[in-house]
Amino acid sequence: MSDIYLDYNATTPIDPQVAEAMLPYIHGLFGNPSSGHSFGQGAREGINRARRQVADLLGCGEDDLIFTSGGTEANNHAIKGAAWANRHRGNHIITSAIEHPAVTEVCEYLAGHGFHITYLPVDQYGMVHPQQVEEVITPETLLVTVMHANNEVGTIQPIGEIAEIAHRHGALMHSDCAQSIGKIPARVDDLGVDLLSVAGHKLYAPKGIGALYIRPGVQLEKLMHGANHEQNRRAGTENVIQMVGLGKACQLIQENLTDYARHMGTMRDRLEERIMESGADARVNGHHEKRLPNTTSIAFRGLEADRILEKLPTVAASAGAACHSDQVEVSHVLRAMNVPVEYAMGTLRLTVGRFTTEDEIDRASAEINGVIETLSAVQAAAN
């Protein structure tokens, strides 16, 4: 029987309709989009259509978007670009303790260049409370950057409320929406953001493509210098094939988000229920309601996530901790949530997608339950 993929928050397969949309730009429409002849203009039309498709999904203007090489570049451009362009206004940046390294590492870089970074704590559900932003924001704050939804536990943050506070104090608001787009609505005006990052490979588009929304009037320092591509904001000959893929992926989400979310939620709940009803000593990490419909983070008390995965060769999932001979390395997200180490060490992140089937869920849950029962028995005998 085929392996079961339950790691959709790590990456998604390319949707067949996305692959089909990309094919003409691989085989025939190969021209440089900056060229005036028919080959170039055919490529330019593909980019223009893709930009419209992404803009329609985010609810923004086409001129408010630039394409990037992925979510990491989008985050770097948003955070570094805002910091350097607005340094005359202040040197304070607020973020959360559970951000992706594509945000935390950028903040650490800026900390080494004179910027002051405040890391907001989260509660036991992985939630940032807007009041915490109110308490730490100062006249020197130039940017607040908080992810829309967490990649490990799926908790959805109150971005609109946080943005209102940021704007009231004259700061910009950025949100890394890599995990939320394609699973829940993520429109720029509803969120109130000035900057928003998109990662193509999280929403059934190719790896190596992303986008950054920049609200009109927001000034960013360039990261890439060269010719005047992407409205003179990001130099480099456009990656037409993958831009077209991202555009098509966004169109599919625009047309089918309700159905996608409903299916993922049904599959996630089925998986979670079958595991939690097995009698294992387990808990679900994250907010039980305000979370992504495809994500469950299940912690098995006293077990080691790595050992569980080793005995699940046909189930692809992620571990929330790495256990070594002398220590347990718990993810920074679970640490920030103060998940007890005896649960954190046995945490699996199980994420479903639009192609997940009931049969896969039933087979995966049966395999997981069997492994947990076996490991628990071994542990009990050893004690």
Protein backbone atom coordinates (compact mmCIF):
# COMPACT_ATOMS: atom_id res chain seq x y z
CA MET A 1 0.00 0.00 0.00
CA SER A 2 1.15 3.55 -0.64
CA ASP A 3 2.72 5.76 2.00
CA ILE A 4 0.50 8.31 3.74
CA TYR A 5 1.45 11.98 3.63
CA LEU A 6 0.46 13.90 6.78
CA ASP A 7 3.02 16.70 6.57
CA TYR A 8 1.20 19.30 4.48
CA ASN A 9 2.44 22.18 6.67
CA ALA A 10 5.99 21.29 5.63
CA THR A 11 5.16 21.45 1.93
CA THR A 12 2.33 20.61 -0.45
CA PRO A 13 2.35 18.76 -3.77
CA ILE A 14 1.77 20.85 -6.86
CA ASP A 15 -1.91 20.74 -7.73
CA PRO A 16 -2.38 19.08 -11.16
CA GLN A 17 -4.25 22.16 -12.39
CA VAL A 18 -1.31 24.33 -11.33
CA ALA A 19 1.12 22.08 -13.19
CA GLU A 20 -1.06 22.22 -16.29
CA ALA A 21 -1.13 26.03 -16.19
CA MET A 22 2.67 26.13 -16.02
CA LEU A 23 3.30 23.84 -19.00
CA PRO A 24 2.91 26.43 -21.81
CA TYR A 25 5.60 28.59 -20.15
CA ILE A 26 7.97 25.64 -20.06
CA HIS A 27 7.51 24.54 -23.66
CA GLY A 28 6.69 27.62 -25.73
CA LEU A 29 6.22 30.92 -23.90
CA PHE A 30 9.84 31.10 -22.82
CA GLY A 31 10.61 34.71 -23.74
CA ASN A 32 12.09 37.35 -21.49
CA PRO A 33 9.11 39.35 -20.15
CA SER A 34 11.08 42.58 -20.65
CA SER A 35 11.41 41.95 -24.41
CA GLY A 36 9.10 43.77 -26.79
CA HIS A 37 8.62 40.93 -29.28
CA SER A 38 5.85 38.34 -29.22
CA PHE A 39 7.84 35.80 -27.19
CA GLY A 40 8.46 38.33 -24.44
CA GLN A 41 4.96 39.71 -24.47
CA GLY A 42 3.46 36.24 -24.16
CA ALA A 43 5.51 35.74 -21.02
CA ARG A 44 4.52 39.20 -19.75
CA GLU A 45 0.84 38.37 -20.17
CA GLY A 46 1.34 35.28 -17.99
CA ILE A 47 2.89 37.37 -15.23
CA ASN A 48 0.15 39.97 -15.42
CA ARG A 49 -2.54 37.31 -15.13
CA ALA A 50 -0.75 35.69 -12.20
CA ARG A 51 -0.48 39.01 -10.39
CA ARG A 52 -4.22 39.58 -10.83
CA GLN A 53 -4.96 36.11 -9.45
CA VAL A 54 -2.85 36.64 -6.33
CA ALA A 55 -4.25 40.14 -5.84
CA ASP A 56 -7.83 38.88 -6.13
CA LEU A 57 -7.21 36.30 -3.42
CA LEU A 58 -5.63 38.82 -1.04
CA GLY A 59 -8.10 41.58 -1.86
CA CYS A 60 -5.47 44.10 -2.92
CA GLY A 61 -4.38 46.00 -5.99
CA GLU A 62 -2.12 44.36 -8.55
CA ASP A 63 0.46 47.11 -8.13
CA ASP A 64 0.64 46.32 -4.41
CA LEU A 65 2.31 42.94 -5.03
CA ILE A 66 5.83 41.87 -5.87
CA PHE A 67 6.83 38.29 -6.59
CA THR A 68 9.67 36.80 -4.55
CA SER A 69 11.60 33.54 -4.39
CA GLY A 70 9.38 32.36 -1.53
CA GLY A 71 8.08 33.15 1.93
CA THR A 72 11.56 33.55 3.41
CA GLU A 73 12.52 36.27 0.97
CA ALA A 74 9.15 37.96 1.44
CA ASN A 75 9.68 38.05 5.21
CA ASN A 76 13.24 39.31 4.82
CA HIS A 77 12.17 42.05 2.45
CA ALA A 78 9.25 43.12 4.63
CA ILE A 79 11.13 43.21 7.94
CA LYS A 80 14.59 44.37 6.83
CA GLY A 81 13.09 46.67 4.23
CA ALA A 82 10.80 48.36 6.76
CA ALA A 83 13.55 48.57 9.38
CA TRP A 84 16.13 50.22 7.15
CA ALA A 85 13.65 52.53 5.41
CA ASN A 86 12.16 53.75 8.68
CA ARG A 87 15.16 53.79 10.98
CA HIS A 88 14.88 57.57 11.24
CA ARG A 89 11.59 56.99 13.09
CA GLY A 90 12.82 54.47 15.65
CA ASN A 91 14.66 51.21 16.22
CA HIS A 92 12.09 48.99 17.97
CA ILE A 93 10.46 45.88 16.44
CA ILE A 94 7.84 43.70 18.12
CA THR A 95 7.39 40.05 17.21
CA SER A 96 6.22 36.86 18.92
CA ALA A 97 8.07 34.00 20.58
CA ILE A 98 6.60 31.43 18.15
CA GLU A 99 7.53 32.88 14.77
CA HIS A 100 9.12 30.84 12.00
CA PRO A 101 12.93 31.16 11.69
CA ALA A 102 12.30 33.18 8.52
CA VAL A 103 11.17 35.91 10.92
CA THR A 104 13.15 35.26 14.11
CA GLU A 105 16.48 35.01 12.30
CA VAL A 106 15.78 38.29 10.50
CA CYS A 107 15.02 39.93 13.83
CA GLU A 108 18.22 38.52 15.32
CA TYR A 109 20.17 39.96 12.39
CA LEU A 110 18.64 43.38 12.97
CA ALA A 111 19.34 43.12 16.71
CA GLY A 112 23.01 42.87 15.78
CA HIS A 113 22.68 46.12 13.87
CA GLY A 114 21.27 48.30 16.60
CA PHE A 115 17.58 47.42 16.57
CA HIS A 116 15.75 46.51 19.76
CA ILE A 117 13.54 43.41 19.44
CA THR A 118 10.69 42.53 21.81
CA TYR A 119 9.47 38.92 21.72
CA LEU A 120 5.89 38.65 22.91
CA PRO A 121 5.05 35.57 24.99
CA VAL A 122 2.09 33.35 24.17
CA ASP A 123 -0.41 31.61 26.39
CA GLN A 124 -0.84 27.86 26.81
CA TYR A 125 -2.74 27.73 23.50
CA GLY A 126 -0.03 29.53 21.53
CA MET A 127 -2.01 32.76 21.37
CA VAL A 128 -0.62 36.30 21.41
CA HIS A 129 -2.85 38.65 23.38
CA PRO A 130 -3.27 42.13 21.84
CA GLN A 131 -3.02 43.75 25.26
CA GLN A 132 0.58 42.55 25.40
CA VAL A 133 1.33 44.59 22.28
CA GLU A 134 -0.27 47.62 23.90
CA GLU A 135 1.95 47.18 26.94
CA VAL A 136 5.29 47.04 25.09
CA ILE A 137 4.77 49.35 22.12
CA THR A 138 6.60 52.68 22.31
CA PRO A 139 7.09 55.80 20.15
CA GLU A 140 10.26 54.07 18.87
CA THR A 141 8.32 51.05 17.53
CA LEU A 142 8.45 51.03 13.74
CA LEU A 143 7.15 47.52 13.01
CA VAL A 144 5.05 44.76 14.54
CA THR A 145 5.40 41.34 12.86
CA VAL A 146 3.21 38.44 14.02
CA MET A 147 2.38 35.31 12.01
CA HIS A 148 -1.26 34.77 11.01
CA ALA A 149 -1.27 31.07 11.94
CA ASN A 150 1.37 28.95 13.61
CA ASN A 151 3.00 26.22 11.54
CA GLU A 152 3.36 23.74 14.43
CA VAL A 153 0.10 23.90 16.38
CA GLY A 154 -2.13 25.84 13.96
CA THR A 155 -3.23 28.57 16.39
CA ILE A 156 -4.67 31.58 14.55
CA GLN A 157 -3.61 34.98 15.88
CA PRO A 158 -5.85 38.07 16.28
CA ILE A 159 -3.97 39.98 13.59
CA GLY A 160 -6.68 42.59 13.06
CA GLU A 161 -6.65 43.64 16.72
CA ILE A 162 -2.86 43.71 16.83
CA ALA A 163 -2.74 45.78 13.63
CA GLU A 164 -5.15 48.33 15.07
CA ILE A 165 -2.86 48.85 18.05
CA ALA A 166 0.22 49.10 15.83
CA HIS A 167 -1.37 51.70 13.59
CA ARG A 168 -2.68 53.73 16.52
CA HIS A 169 0.91 54.09 17.66
CA GLY A 170 2.29 54.85 14.20
CA ALA A 171 3.90 51.47 13.56
CA LEU A 172 3.66 49.24 10.50
CA MET A 173 2.05 45.77 10.68
CA HIS A 174 3.46 42.71 8.92
CA SER A 175 2.13 39.17 9.00
CA ASP A 176 3.70 35.97 7.73
CA CYS A 177 0.71 34.24 6.13
CA ALA A 178 2.61 31.25 4.76
CA GLN A 179 0.49 28.74 6.68
CA SER A 180 -2.89 30.45 6.58
CA ILE A 181 -3.39 31.13 2.87
CA GLY A 182 -5.34 28.29 1.30
CA LYS A 183 -6.79 27.15 4.63
CA ILE A 184 -8.58 30.22 6.01
CA PRO A 185 -9.40 33.66 4.56
CA ALA A 186 -6.41 36.02 4.51
CA ARG A 187 -7.41 39.35 2.96
CA VAL A 188 -5.26 42.38 3.60
CA ASP A 189 -8.02 44.79 4.64
CA ASP A 190 -9.67 42.27 6.96
CA LEU A 191 -6.31 41.68 8.64
CA GLY A 192 -5.38 45.36 8.58
CA VAL A 193 -1.81 44.63 7.55
CA ASP A 194 0.65 46.85 5.73
CA LEU A 195 2.84 43.94 4.66
CA LEU A 196 1.90 40.29 4.06
CA SER A 197 4.09 37.34 3.04
CA VAL A 198 3.02 34.46 0.78
CA ALA A 199 4.84 31.14 0.29
CA GLY A 200 3.88 29.23 -2.84
CA HIS A 201 4.88 25.72 -1.78
CA LYS A 202 2.50 25.86 1.19
CA LEU A 203 -0.53 26.34 -1.10
CA TYR A 204 0.01 23.74 -3.87
CA ALA A 205 2.25 25.92 -6.04
CA PRO A 206 5.95 25.17 -6.72
CA LYS A 207 8.80 25.68 -4.31
CA GLY A 208 10.88 28.76 -5.00
CA ILE A 209 8.05 31.25 -5.51
CA GLY A 210 6.26 33.62 -3.17
CA ALA A 211 4.88 37.12 -2.98
CA LEU A 212 4.92 40.18 -0.77
CA TYR A 213 2.00 42.56 -0.39
CA ILE A 214 3.05 46.17 0.25
CA ARG A 215 0.32 48.64 1.17
CA PRO A 216 0.44 51.80 -0.99
CA GLY A 217 2.61 54.45 0.63
CA VAL A 218 4.75 52.01 2.63
CA GLN A 219 8.44 52.53 1.99
CA LEU A 220 10.83 49.57 1.98
CA GLU A 221 14.57 49.44 1.40
CA LYS A 222 15.46 47.18 -1.51
CA LEU A 223 17.05 43.79 -0.94
CA MET A 224 17.81 42.99 -4.59
CA HIS A 225 19.53 45.61 -6.73
CA GLY A 226 19.80 45.60 -10.49
CA ALA A 227 17.33 46.44 -13.25
CA ASN A 228 13.88 47.85 -12.53
CA HIS A 229 11.88 44.61 -12.41
CA GLU A 230 8.81 44.25 -10.18
CA GLN A 231 7.99 47.97 -10.18
CA ASN A 232 11.64 48.71 -9.42
CA ARG A 233 11.32 46.93 -6.06
CA ARG A 234 13.01 43.58 -6.77
CA ALA A 235 15.61 43.20 -9.49
CA GLY A 236 16.04 40.03 -11.50
CA THR A 237 14.49 38.51 -14.61
CA GLU A 238 11.10 37.20 -13.62
CA ASN A 239 10.54 33.51 -12.84
CA VAL A 240 7.61 33.31 -15.23
CA ILE A 241 6.88 29.58 -14.93
CA GLN A 242 6.55 29.65 -11.17
CA MET A 243 4.73 32.98 -11.08
CA VAL A 244 2.10 31.47 -13.33
CA GLY A 245 1.92 28.48 -10.99
CA LEU A 246 1.41 30.67 -7.93
CA GLY A 247 -1.27 32.65 -9.73
CA LYS A 248 -3.20 29.52 -10.69
CA ALA A 249 -2.89 28.15 -7.14
CA CYS A 250 -4.35 31.38 -5.77
CA GLN A 251 -7.19 31.24 -8.30
CA LEU A 252 -8.08 27.72 -7.15
CA ILE A 253 -8.14 28.88 -3.52
CA GLN A 254 -10.28 31.89 -4.43
CA GLU A 255 -12.81 29.59 -6.10
CA ASN A 256 -12.74 26.65 -3.68
CA LEU A 257 -11.57 27.78 -0.23
CA THR A 258 -14.79 26.85 1.54
CA ASP A 259 -14.72 23.32 0.13
CA TYR A 260 -10.99 22.92 0.77
CA ALA A 261 -11.33 24.04 4.39
CA ARG A 262 -14.36 21.82 4.99
CA HIS A 263 -12.58 18.76 3.63
CA MET A 264 -9.40 19.40 5.59
CA GLY A 265 -11.36 20.00 8.78
CA THR A 266 -13.27 16.75 8.33
CA MET A 267 -10.08 14.77 7.74
CA ARG A 268 -8.24 16.43 10.64
CA ASP A 269 -11.11 15.81 13.06
CA ARG A 270 -11.41 12.18 11.96
CA LEU A 271 -7.70 11.62 12.54
CA GLU A 272 -7.69 13.40 15.88
CA GLU A 273 -10.76 11.59 17.16
CA ARG A 274 -9.46 8.16 16.26
CA ILE A 275 -6.18 8.80 18.03
CA MET A 276 -7.63 10.48 21.11
CA GLU A 277 -10.30 7.78 21.49
CA SER A 278 -7.67 5.03 21.53
CA GLY A 279 -7.06 5.41 25.26
CA ALA A 280 -3.53 6.76 24.88
CA ASP A 281 -2.26 9.26 27.47
CA ALA A 282 -2.26 12.17 25.05
CA ARG A 283 -3.23 15.82 24.66
CA VAL A 284 -3.77 18.20 21.77
CA ASN A 285 -1.51 21.25 21.74
CA GLY A 286 -2.79 24.61 20.55
CA HIS A 287 -6.16 26.31 20.54
CA HIS A 288 -8.98 23.83 20.02
CA GLU A 289 -11.16 26.28 18.06
CA LYS A 290 -9.00 29.11 16.73
CA ARG A 291 -6.67 26.94 14.69
CA LEU A 292 -6.08 25.90 11.12
CA PRO A 293 -8.58 23.30 9.86
CA ASN A 294 -5.82 20.94 8.72
CA THR A 295 -3.50 20.92 11.74
CA THR A 296 -3.32 18.82 14.88
CA SER A 297 -0.40 18.69 17.29
CA ILE A 298 -0.80 15.59 19.45
CA ALA A 299 1.48 14.96 22.43
CA PHE A 300 1.93 11.46 23.83
CA ARG A 301 3.03 11.52 27.46
CA GLY A 302 6.38 9.94 28.25
CA LEU A 303 7.15 8.81 24.70
CA GLU A 304 9.72 10.12 22.24
CA ALA A 305 8.47 11.58 18.97
CA ASP A 306 11.51 10.40 17.04
CA ARG A 307 10.95 6.80 18.16
CA ILE A 308 7.28 6.99 17.22
CA LEU A 309 8.14 8.20 13.71
CA GLU A 310 10.84 5.55 13.31
CA LYS A 311 8.18 2.89 13.77
CA LEU A 312 5.84 4.61 11.30
CA PRO A 313 7.74 4.10 8.03
CA THR A 314 4.63 4.55 5.89
CA VAL A 315 3.33 7.72 7.63
CA ALA A 316 5.03 11.03 6.84
CA ALA A 317 4.72 13.48 9.75
CA SER A 318 6.86 15.85 11.83
CA ALA A 319 8.18 15.72 15.38
CA GLY A 320 7.81 18.52 17.91
CA ALA A 321 10.97 17.48 19.75
CA ALA A 322 14.21 15.64 19.14
CA CYS A 323 15.34 13.28 21.88
CA HIS A 324 19.03 12.52 22.35
CA SER A 325 20.88 10.40 24.88
CA ASP A 326 21.35 13.21 27.36
CA GLN A 327 18.71 15.79 26.52
CA VAL A 328 15.41 16.60 24.85
CA GLU A 329 15.33 19.42 22.28
CA VAL A 330 11.79 20.75 22.37
CA SER A 331 10.65 23.12 19.62
CA HIS A 332 10.67 26.80 20.51
CA VAL A 333 6.90 26.88 19.94
CA LEU A 334 6.13 24.19 22.50
CA ARG A 335 8.59 25.78 24.93
CA ALA A 336 6.90 29.16 24.55
CA MET A 337 3.54 27.49 25.25
CA ASN A 338 5.00 25.86 28.40
CA VAL A 339 3.96 22.40 27.26
CA PRO A 340 5.22 20.01 29.98
CA VAL A 341 8.36 18.28 28.76
CA GLU A 342 6.88 14.81 29.32
CA TYR A 343 4.27 15.70 26.68
CA ALA A 344 6.40 17.96 24.48
CA MET A 345 8.97 15.21 23.91
CA GLY A 346 6.27 12.99 22.42
CA THR A 347 4.60 15.57 20.17
CA LEU A 348 3.69 14.76 16.56
CA ARG A 349 2.53 17.38 14.10
CA LEU A 350 -0.03 15.76 11.80
CA THR A 351 -1.30 17.93 8.95
CA VAL A 352 -3.77 16.94 6.26
CA GLY A 353 -4.45 18.48 2.85
CA ARG A 354 -6.96 18.78 0.06
CA PHE A 355 -5.92 15.38 -1.32
CA THR A 356 -6.09 13.45 1.97
CA THR A 357 -8.61 10.58 1.89
CA GLU A 358 -10.67 8.84 4.57
CA ASP A 359 -8.84 5.61 3.83
CA GLU A 360 -5.49 7.29 4.49
CA ILE A 361 -6.79 8.73 7.75
CA ASP A 362 -8.09 5.35 8.91
CA ARG A 363 -4.87 3.55 8.00
CA ALA A 364 -2.66 6.23 9.55
CA SER A 365 -4.61 6.40 12.81
CA ALA A 366 -4.59 2.60 13.13
CA GLU A 367 -0.82 2.52 12.59
CA ILE A 368 -0.19 5.37 15.00
CA ASN A 369 -2.40 3.83 17.67
CA GLY A 370 -0.65 0.48 17.30
CA VAL A 371 2.80 2.05 17.69
CA ILE A 372 1.70 4.10 20.71
CA GLU A 373 0.25 1.00 22.37
CA THR A 374 3.46 -0.95 21.79
CA LEU A 375 5.78 1.81 23.00
CA SER A 376 3.61 2.51 26.02
CA ALA A 377 3.72 -1.19 26.98
CA VAL A 378 7.51 -1.25 26.65
CA GLN A 379 7.77 1.86 28.79
CA ALA A 380 5.46 0.44 31.44
CA ALA A 381 7.49 -2.78 31.60
CA ALA A 382 10.72 -0.84 31.97
CA ASN A 383 9.28 1.13 34.89
